Amino acid sequence: IPGHHPIVPLLVRDTKKTHQMVNRLFEKGVLVVGLTYPVVPRGDETIRFQINAAHTAADIDYVLDVLSEFKAS
């Protein structure tokens, strides 16, 4: 992941979907922060991932797999 910032945002743009995705990720062992109104404006709902040096490529692949499963459901 390019850049020097540990926070990676995923713009969801939907409150219900943001809550669903955060819950699914948590069930699968992935801790993220969902930001919805009034923290962010409506339409800017976001999930924030915090990446650090302890995460492996396999960890990131796992998160991507969980997100793909959610999208397919």
PDB file of N, CA and C in Angstrom:
ATOM      1  N   ILE A   1       0.852  -1.166   0.000  1.00  0.00           N
ATOM      2  CA  ILE A   1       0.000   0.000   0.000  1.00  0.00           C
ATOM      3  C   ILE A   1       0.897   1.228   0.000  1.00  0.00           C
ATOM      4  N   PRO A   2       0.807   2.035  -1.023  1.00  0.00           N
ATOM      5  CA  PRO A   2       1.675   3.211  -1.083  1.00  0.00           C
ATOM      6  C   PRO A   2       1.257   4.275  -0.073  1.00  0.00           C
ATOM      7  N   GLY A   3       2.197   5.120   0.284  1.00  0.00           N
ATOM      8  CA  GLY A   3       1.897   6.225   1.180  1.00  0.00           C
ATOM      9  C   GLY A   3       2.571   6.055   2.526  1.00  0.00           C
ATOM     10  N   HIS A   4       2.484   7.112   3.323  1.00  0.00           N
ATOM     11  CA  HIS A   4       3.139   7.118   4.623  1.00  0.00           C
ATOM     12  C   HIS A   4       2.149   7.197   5.771  1.00  0.00           C
ATOM     13  N   HIS A   5       0.885   7.080   5.489  1.00  0.00           N
ATOM     14  CA  HIS A   5      -0.127   7.202   6.530  1.00  0.00           C
ATOM     15  C   HIS A   5      -0.706   5.830   6.844  1.00  0.00           C
ATOM     16  N   PRO A   6      -0.856   5.482   8.127  1.00  0.00           N
ATOM     17  CA  PRO A   6      -1.333   4.149   8.470  1.00  0.00           C
ATOM     18  C   PRO A   6      -2.834   3.955   8.295  1.00  0.00           C
ATOM     19  N   ILE A   7      -3.592   5.026   8.088  1.00  0.00           N
ATOM     20  CA  ILE A   7      -5.041   4.890   7.969  1.00  0.00           C
ATOM     21  C   ILE A   7      -5.425   4.803   6.496  1.00  0.00           C
ATOM     22  N   VAL A   8      -6.161   3.732   6.177  1.00  0.00           N
ATOM     23  CA  VAL A   8      -6.615   3.508   4.806  1.00  0.00           C
ATOM     24  C   VAL A   8      -8.143   3.575   4.808  1.00  0.00           C
ATOM     25  N   PRO A   9      -8.722   4.572   4.140  1.00  0.00           N
ATOM     26  CA  PRO A   9     -10.181   4.701   4.138  1.00  0.00           C
ATOM     27  C   PRO A   9     -10.834   3.898   3.013  1.00  0.00           C
ATOM     28  N   LEU A  10     -12.021   3.412   3.295  1.00  0.00           N
ATOM     29  CA  LEU A  10     -12.864   2.789   2.276  1.00  0.00           C
ATOM     30  C   LEU A  10     -14.174   3.568   2.275  1.00  0.00           C
ATOM     31  N   LEU A  11     -14.405   4.331   1.230  1.00  0.00           N
ATOM     32  CA  LEU A  11     -15.608   5.154   1.136  1.00  0.00           C
ATOM     33  C   LEU A  11     -16.790   4.264   0.759  1.00  0.00           C
ATOM     34  N   VAL A  12     -17.775   4.191   1.641  1.00  0.00           N
ATOM     35  CA  VAL A  12     -18.934   3.322   1.433  1.00  0.00           C
ATOM     36  C   VAL A  12     -20.144   4.123   0.938  1.00  0.00           C
ATOM     37  N   ARG A  13     -20.329   5.320   1.472  1.00  0.00           N
ATOM     38  CA  ARG A  13     -21.390   6.252   1.074  1.00  0.00           C
ATOM     39  C   ARG A  13     -22.799   5.801   1.436  1.00  0.00           C
ATOM     40  N   ASP A  14     -22.929   4.901   2.428  1.00  0.00           N
ATOM     41  CA  ASP A  14     -24.244   4.421   2.843  1.00  0.00           C
ATOM     42  C   ASP A  14     -24.156   3.990   4.305  1.00  0.00           C
ATOM     43  N   THR A  15     -24.996   4.578   5.158  1.00  0.00           N
ATOM     44  CA  THR A  15     -24.922   4.298   6.595  1.00  0.00           C
ATOM     45  C   THR A  15     -25.207   2.836   6.907  1.00  0.00           C
ATOM     46  N   LYS A  16     -26.300   2.300   6.375  1.00  0.00           N
ATOM     47  CA  LYS A  16     -26.675   0.913   6.667  1.00  0.00           C
ATOM     48  C   LYS A  16     -25.587  -0.053   6.204  1.00  0.00           C
ATOM     49  N   LYS A  17     -25.097   0.148   5.005  1.00  0.00           N
ATOM     50  CA  LYS A  17     -24.062  -0.733   4.465  1.00  0.00           C
ATOM     51  C   LYS A  17     -22.766  -0.616   5.273  1.00  0.00           C
ATOM     52  N   THR A  18     -22.450   0.596   5.726  1.00  0.00           N
ATOM     53  CA  THR A  18     -21.255   0.786   6.553  1.00  0.00           C
ATOM     54  C   THR A  18     -21.368  -0.034   7.828  1.00  0.00           C
ATOM     55  N   HIS A  19     -22.524   0.055   8.515  1.00  0.00           N
ATOM     56  CA  HIS A  19     -22.722  -0.715   9.746  1.00  0.00           C
ATOM     57  C   HIS A  19     -22.652  -2.219   9.471  1.00  0.00           C
ATOM     58  N   GLN A  20     -23.254  -2.660   8.380  1.00  0.00           N
ATOM     59  CA  GLN A  20     -23.227  -4.084   8.031  1.00  0.00           C
ATOM     60  C   GLN A  20     -21.798  -4.561   7.774  1.00  0.00           C
ATOM     61  N   MET A  21     -21.033  -3.769   7.040  1.00  0.00           N
ATOM     62  CA  MET A  21     -19.656  -4.159   6.720  1.00  0.00           C
ATOM     63  C   MET A  21     -18.785  -4.176   7.970  1.00  0.00           C
ATOM     64  N   VAL A  22     -18.940  -3.172   8.837  1.00  0.00           N
ATOM     65  CA  VAL A  22     -18.162  -3.133  10.078  1.00  0.00           C
ATOM     66  C   VAL A  22     -18.488  -4.362  10.928  1.00  0.00           C
ATOM     67  N   ASN A  23     -19.765  -4.707  11.035  1.00  0.00           N
ATOM     68  CA  ASN A  23     -20.154  -5.886  11.813  1.00  0.00           C
ATOM     69  C   ASN A  23     -19.588  -7.167  11.219  1.00  0.00           C
ATOM     70  N   ARG A  24     -19.657  -7.301   9.900  1.00  0.00           N
ATOM     71  CA  ARG A  24     -19.128  -8.508   9.246  1.00  0.00           C
ATOM     72  C   ARG A  24     -17.625  -8.621   9.460  1.00  0.00           C
ATOM     73  N   LEU A  25     -16.911  -7.523   9.296  1.00  0.00           N
ATOM     74  CA  LEU A  25     -15.464  -7.532   9.511  1.00  0.00           C
ATOM     75  C   LEU A  25     -15.145  -7.920  10.947  1.00  0.00           C
ATOM     76  N   PHE A  26     -15.887  -7.369  11.920  1.00  0.00           N
ATOM     77  CA  PHE A  26     -15.663  -7.699  13.326  1.00  0.00           C
ATOM     78  C   PHE A  26     -15.902  -9.186  13.577  1.00  0.00           C
ATOM     79  N   GLU A  27     -16.984  -9.736  13.001  1.00  0.00           N
ATOM     80  CA  GLU A  27     -17.275 -11.168  13.142  1.00  0.00           C
ATOM     81  C   GLU A  27     -16.129 -12.020  12.608  1.00  0.00           C
ATOM     82  N   LYS A  28     -15.448 -11.517  11.598  1.00  0.00           N
ATOM     83  CA  LYS A  28     -14.341 -12.249  10.981  1.00  0.00           C
ATOM     84  C   LYS A  28     -12.993 -11.916  11.617  1.00  0.00           C
ATOM     85  N   GLY A  29     -13.010 -11.141  12.716  1.00  0.00           N
ATOM     86  CA  GLY A  29     -11.772 -10.859  13.436  1.00  0.00           C
ATOM     87  C   GLY A  29     -11.002  -9.647  12.960  1.00  0.00           C
ATOM     88  N   VAL A  30     -11.660  -8.772  12.201  1.00  0.00           N
ATOM     89  CA  VAL A  30     -10.996  -7.576  11.683  1.00  0.00           C
ATOM     90  C   VAL A  30     -11.573  -6.362  12.407  1.00  0.00           C
ATOM     91  N   LEU A  31     -10.722  -5.610  13.088  1.00  0.00           N
ATOM     92  CA  LEU A  31     -11.162  -4.430  13.818  1.00  0.00           C
ATOM     93  C   LEU A  31     -11.004  -3.196  12.936  1.00  0.00           C
ATOM     94  N   VAL A  32     -12.114  -2.534  12.669  1.00  0.00           N
ATOM     95  CA  VAL A  32     -12.123  -1.312  11.865  1.00  0.00           C
ATOM     96  C   VAL A  32     -13.004  -0.286  12.561  1.00  0.00           C
ATOM     97  N   VAL A  33     -12.984   0.930  12.059  1.00  0.00           N
ATOM     98  CA  VAL A  33     -13.841   1.990  12.575  1.00  0.00           C
ATOM     99  C   VAL A  33     -14.754   2.454  11.446  1.00  0.00           C
ATOM    100  N   GLY A  34     -16.048   2.429  11.706  1.00  0.00           N
ATOM    101  CA  GLY A  34     -17.009   2.942  10.744  1.00  0.00           C
ATOM    102  C   GLY A  34     -17.388   4.364  11.105  1.00  0.00           C
ATOM    103  N   LEU A  35     -17.329   5.247  10.147  1.00  0.00           N
ATOM    104  CA  LEU A  35     -17.677   6.648  10.370  1.00  0.00           C
ATOM    105  C   LEU A  35     -18.952   6.972   9.605  1.00  0.00           C
ATOM    106  N   THR A  36     -19.983   7.366  10.344  1.00  0.00           N
ATOM    107  CA  THR A  36     -21.258   7.723   9.736  1.00  0.00           C
ATOM    108  C   THR A  36     -21.728   9.057  10.308  1.00  0.00           C
ATOM    109  N   TYR A  37     -22.800   9.595   9.743  1.00  0.00           N
ATOM    110  CA  TYR A  37     -23.373  10.844  10.216  1.00  0.00           C
ATOM    111  C   TYR A  37     -23.730  10.709  11.694  1.00  0.00           C
ATOM    112  N   PRO A  38     -23.408  11.654  12.541  1.00  0.00           N
ATOM    113  CA  PRO A  38     -22.978  13.016  12.307  1.00  0.00           C
ATOM    114  C   PRO A  38     -21.462  13.213  12.328  1.00  0.00           C
ATOM    115  N   VAL A  39     -20.700  12.129  12.426  1.00  0.00           N
ATOM    116  CA  VAL A  39     -19.233  12.261  12.427  1.00  0.00           C
ATOM    117  C   VAL A  39     -18.744  12.729  11.062  1.00  0.00           C
ATOM    118  N   VAL A  40     -19.364  12.223  10.014  1.00  0.00           N
ATOM    119  CA  VAL A  40     -19.066  12.658   8.646  1.00  0.00           C
ATOM    120  C   VAL A  40     -20.387  13.068   7.996  1.00  0.00           C
ATOM    121  N   PRO A  41     -20.343  13.893   6.963  1.00  0.00           N
ATOM    122  CA  PRO A  41     -21.591  14.268   6.287  1.00  0.00           C
ATOM    123  C   PRO A  41     -22.266  13.051   5.650  1.00  0.00           C
ATOM    124  N   ARG A  42     -23.593  13.107   5.556  1.00  0.00           N
ATOM    125  CA  ARG A  42     -24.312  12.033   4.860  1.00  0.00           C
ATOM    126  C   ARG A  42     -23.748  11.912   3.445  1.00  0.00           C
ATOM    127  N   GLY A  43     -23.548  10.675   3.021  1.00  0.00           N
ATOM    128  CA  GLY A  43     -22.965  10.442   1.705  1.00  0.00           C
ATOM    129  C   GLY A  43     -21.459  10.253   1.737  1.00  0.00           C
ATOM    130  N   ASP A  44     -20.838  10.524   2.888  1.00  0.00           N
ATOM    131  CA  ASP A  44     -19.386  10.327   3.042  1.00  0.00           C
ATOM    132  C   ASP A  44     -19.070   9.213   4.038  1.00  0.00           C
ATOM    133  N   GLU A  45     -20.012   8.312   4.280  1.00  0.00           N
ATOM    134  CA  GLU A  45     -19.787   7.213   5.219  1.00  0.00           C
ATOM    135  C   GLU A  45     -18.558   6.416   4.782  1.00  0.00           C
ATOM    136  N   THR A  46     -17.712   6.123   5.761  1.00  0.00           N
ATOM    137  CA  THR A  46     -16.395   5.555   5.477  1.00  0.00           C
ATOM    138  C   THR A  46     -16.037   4.491   6.504  1.00  0.00           C
ATOM    139  N   ILE A  47     -15.267   3.516   6.078  1.00  0.00           N
ATOM    140  CA  ILE A  47     -14.646   2.556   6.997  1.00  0.00           C
ATOM    141  C   ILE A  47     -13.157   2.850   6.995  1.00  0.00           C
ATOM    142  N   ARG A  48     -12.590   2.947   8.196  1.00  0.00           N
ATOM    143  CA  ARG A  48     -11.156   3.242   8.314  1.00  0.00           C
ATOM    144  C   ARG A  48     -10.414   1.996   8.788  1.00  0.00           C
ATOM    145  N   PHE A  49      -9.423   1.628   8.019  1.00  0.00           N
ATOM    146  CA  PHE A  49      -8.522   0.528   8.357  1.00  0.00           C
ATOM    147  C   PHE A  49      -7.212   1.141   8.813  1.00  0.00           C
ATOM    148  N   GLN A  50      -6.623   0.602   9.870  1.00  0.00           N
ATOM    149  CA  GLN A  50      -5.315   1.094  10.302  1.00  0.00           C
ATOM    150  C   GLN A  50      -4.298  -0.018  10.079  1.00  0.00           C
ATOM    151  N   ILE A  51      -3.371   0.239   9.182  1.00  0.00           N
ATOM    152  CA  ILE A  51      -2.348  -0.728   8.796  1.00  0.00           C
ATOM    153  C   ILE A  51      -1.071  -0.411   9.570  1.00  0.00           C
ATOM    154  N   ASN A  52      -0.384  -1.469  10.011  1.00  0.00           N
ATOM    155  CA  ASN A  52       0.909  -1.236  10.665  1.00  0.00           C
ATOM    156  C   ASN A  52       1.918  -2.283  10.215  1.00  0.00           C
ATOM    157  N   ALA A  53       3.145  -2.137  10.665  1.00  0.00           N
ATOM    158  CA  ALA A  53       4.244  -2.996  10.211  1.00  0.00           C
ATOM    159  C   ALA A  53       4.052  -4.455  10.601  1.00  0.00           C
ATOM    160  N   ALA A  54       3.212  -4.723  11.581  1.00  0.00           N
ATOM    161  CA  ALA A  54       2.978  -6.106  12.004  1.00  0.00           C
ATOM    162  C   ALA A  54       2.043  -6.853  11.051  1.00  0.00           C
ATOM    163  N   HIS A  55       1.315  -6.138  10.220  1.00  0.00           N
ATOM    164  CA  HIS A  55       0.421  -6.793   9.269  1.00  0.00           C
ATOM    165  C   HIS A  55       1.226  -7.384   8.115  1.00  0.00           C
ATOM    166  N   THR A  56       0.861  -8.592   7.760  1.00  0.00           N
ATOM    167  CA  THR A  56       1.526  -9.278   6.650  1.00  0.00           C
ATOM    168  C   THR A  56       0.676  -9.132   5.383  1.00  0.00           C
ATOM    169  N   ALA A  57       1.258  -9.521   4.276  1.00  0.00           N
ATOM    170  CA  ALA A  57       0.498  -9.532   3.023  1.00  0.00           C
ATOM    171  C   ALA A  57      -0.702 -10.470   3.154  1.00  0.00           C
ATOM    172  N   ALA A  58      -0.528 -11.569   3.882  1.00  0.00           N
ATOM    173  CA  ALA A  58      -1.630 -12.511   4.099  1.00  0.00           C
ATOM    174  C   ALA A  58      -2.757 -11.861   4.907  1.00  0.00           C
ATOM    175  N   ASP A  59      -2.407 -11.025   5.885  1.00  0.00           N
ATOM    176  CA  ASP A  59      -3.428 -10.305   6.658  1.00  0.00           C
ATOM    177  C   ASP A  59      -4.257  -9.405   5.745  1.00  0.00           C
ATOM    178  N   ILE A  60      -3.584  -8.697   4.882  1.00  0.00           N
ATOM    179  CA  ILE A  60      -4.277  -7.776   3.968  1.00  0.00           C
ATOM    180  C   ILE A  60      -5.132  -8.566   2.977  1.00  0.00           C
ATOM    181  N   ASP A  61      -4.599  -9.673   2.478  1.00  0.00           N
ATOM    182  CA  ASP A  61      -5.374 -10.526   1.572  1.00  0.00           C
ATOM    183  C   ASP A  61      -6.631 -11.047   2.267  1.00  0.00           C
ATOM    184  N   TYR A  62      -6.512 -11.396   3.552  1.00  0.00           N
ATOM    185  CA  TYR A  62      -7.661 -11.888   4.313  1.00  0.00           C
ATOM    186  C   TYR A  62      -8.759 -10.821   4.375  1.00  0.00           C
ATOM    187  N   VAL A  63      -8.376  -9.592   4.678  1.00  0.00           N
ATOM    188  CA  VAL A  63      -9.353  -8.499   4.742  1.00  0.00           C
ATOM    189  C   VAL A  63     -10.014  -8.309   3.379  1.00  0.00           C
ATOM    190  N   LEU A  64      -9.231  -8.353   2.322  1.00  0.00           N
ATOM    191  CA  LEU A  64      -9.792  -8.215   0.973  1.00  0.00           C
ATOM    192  C   LEU A  64     -10.761  -9.350   0.661  1.00  0.00           C
ATOM    193  N   ASP A  65     -10.439 -10.561   1.117  1.00  0.00           N
ATOM    194  CA  ASP A  65     -11.345 -11.698   0.924  1.00  0.00           C
ATOM    195  C   ASP A  65     -12.666 -11.480   1.664  1.00  0.00           C
ATOM    196  N   VAL A  66     -12.584 -11.001   2.903  1.00  0.00           N
ATOM    197  CA  VAL A  66     -13.800 -10.733   3.681  1.00  0.00           C
ATOM    198  C   VAL A  66     -14.645  -9.672   2.977  1.00  0.00           C
ATOM    199  N   LEU A  67     -14.008  -8.623   2.480  1.00  0.00           N
ATOM    200  CA  LEU A  67     -14.746  -7.585   1.757  1.00  0.00           C
ATOM    201  C   LEU A  67     -15.381  -8.144   0.483  1.00  0.00           C
ATOM    202  N   SER A  68     -14.667  -9.019  -0.213  1.00  0.00           N
ATOM    203  CA  SER A  68     -15.215  -9.638  -1.429  1.00  0.00           C
ATOM    204  C   SER A  68     -16.416 -10.511  -1.105  1.00  0.00           C
ATOM    205  N   GLU A  69     -16.331 -11.258   0.008  1.00  0.00           N
ATOM    206  CA  GLU A  69     -17.461 -12.093   0.435  1.00  0.00           C
ATOM    207  C   GLU A  69     -18.678 -11.223   0.728  1.00  0.00           C
ATOM    208  N   PHE A  70     -18.442 -10.093   1.383  1.00  0.00           N
ATOM    209  CA  PHE A  70     -19.552  -9.190   1.701  1.00  0.00           C
ATOM    210  C   PHE A  70     -20.194  -8.663   0.423  1.00  0.00           C
ATOM    211  N   LYS A  71     -19.371  -8.266  -0.516  1.00  0.00           N
ATOM    212  CA  LYS A  71     -19.887  -7.718  -1.774  1.00  0.00           C
ATOM    213  C   LYS A  71     -20.713  -8.760  -2.523  1.00  0.00           C
ATOM    214  N   ALA A  72     -20.291 -10.025  -2.449  1.00  0.00           N
ATOM    215  CA  ALA A  72     -20.977 -11.093  -3.163  1.00  0.00           C
ATOM    216  C   ALA A  72     -22.293 -11.492  -2.492  1.00  0.00           C
ATOM    217  N   SER A  73     -22.446 -11.153  -1.211  1.00  0.00           N
ATOM    218  CA  SER A  73     -23.668 -11.575  -0.492  1.00  0.00           C
ATOM    219  C   SER A  73     -24.833 -10.642  -0.724  1.00  0.00           C
TER     220      SER A  73
END
